[in-house]
Amino acid sequence: MKKSIFAVLLAACVLPSIFALETQFSGSISAEAGRPFPNVKHDDLFTSATVKADGELYVYASKDITFFGKCQTVYDKLAYQSDAFDASTSDGQFGLILKEAWLDFTSDWWALRVGRQINSWGKADVISVLDVLCPKNYTTLPLLNTSDAYLGIDAARLSASYDVYSVDFYWIPFVRSSVLPLSKKHPVRKIIDEELADDLNEYVQIGKVGEIEPSVDNCEYGFRASAYWKYADVSIYGFYGWDRVPQEYVFNGVLPIIVDFPHNRTKMLGADASISVKEFVVRLEGAYFFDSTLMPTLDLSSSEIIKTLIYEPEKFHAEKRDIASSVFGLDWMPGSWIFSAQYGANLVLGDVEGLACDKYEHLATLAVSKRLFRDTLVLGAAGILYFKDWNNAFILSASYNASDDFVLSLSGFYYNILTELPELPLFEDYTHWGGITAGIKYSF
């Protein structure tokens, strides 16, 4: 009670001082509901039922000092996003996410930003190989939707710039993991084989991904140097930190099963380029990952996998290899159309015998959008194809700007998982699965 009274008194003293400064506030309220297509497993369940309120606040203390904060409150009837909340109710249906909260100090040629911040790396989309800095929220469906997926890093960023050149240095003392769809109420968790579900309940207590303890030895470091020329943007990157998702886990493309597996120290060097030629934009990314972890191949039934995880976890220990990754993208923007195609590939350096991967794996994405009626209606289609086993997924979308502040949206997504894994029959329920989602958003 005393703490609550103190917090109220502190806010009463501080808030008037804040709003006495120059401030800028904006926000939005959105709602979303989704259902699977008829005649798929669990077609009677909602895939999403959320209401979100976002708020952004800029406070300009002076010409050189700026504070920015962005929060999101979520009411999630299904409670499947609860692992992504910074604070939540006991039932996991209502939560708060602190997206960003940073303080900027700037001068003519340098800047220092301290606090929680979101920075994306790379020029590609969906399959970017350089975007390793910020963790992501993978609890939302569909998987091709990357909007609002970034989670902030708690870091200090020192920047310097001269003419068209800039350089950023990152120090990240507090490491955050990506959030996986592990909640027992998550729709993905409900589309699994009943035998596997029973095994999970009997042998495995699934929880959050293990956190990395803050220490001097566990700090992360990042570097980016960029040049912004008239017809091309070019950047080089360096990162020494931790995998945002542990690599020592079973992830069948659908259901992650994690039993306290550790994160892996990762080192990455990379570069990208974006080149404009009239209506075309060429996007290139390349990265070299040192000592990446790869899982071994396991020829086991679903029951044996679960028991092995518990009693013989050493069989799941990954081996390390260097990996070279690249992405080539091409955008074409004739008039009100936008066509975007990408091709990405991973090459494992070294022997892959006994590992659950091929030496060379590749995939492609294609997206098309069209603006109509003075740009008030946007129709889109996007798809992704994994050439290994030809697994694929796609999404159709439409959004209508009824006014400058009011947007209606509708989308449908579909997964076609063709991998044949008789020991994991959950794929039989996920081979043809998808749904439709409707949303509404008001901005102010």
Foldseek 3Di string as FASTA:
>chain_A
DVVVVVVVVVCVVVVVVQVVFDKDKKKKKKWKWWAWDPPFPPRVDIQWTKIKIKMWMWGDPDPFKIKIWIKMKMQTPLLQQQVQAPDDDPVNRIGMAGQWIWMWGDDDWKIKIFFWDDDADFDDAPPAPPRFPWAFECLHPDNRDRPPTTGTAGWMWMKGDDDQKIKIKIKGQFDAAHWHRQDCSRPLVVLFDPVLVVLCVVQHDDDTADGDDGDPVQMKMKMKMWGDDDFKIKMKIKIWHWGSDAQLWDDPVGDTGDDHGDIDTKIKIKMWMWGDDPQKIKIKIKMKIFFDWFWFDDQAASNVVSVCVRPPVVNSGTGTWMKIKMKIKMWGDDDQKIKIKMKIKIATPDDQVRTPDDRIWIKMKIKMWGADDVRQKIWMKMKIFTPVQGWIKMKTKMKGNPDPFKIKMKMKMWTARRDDRVSGCSVVSRRTIIIMMIMIMGMD
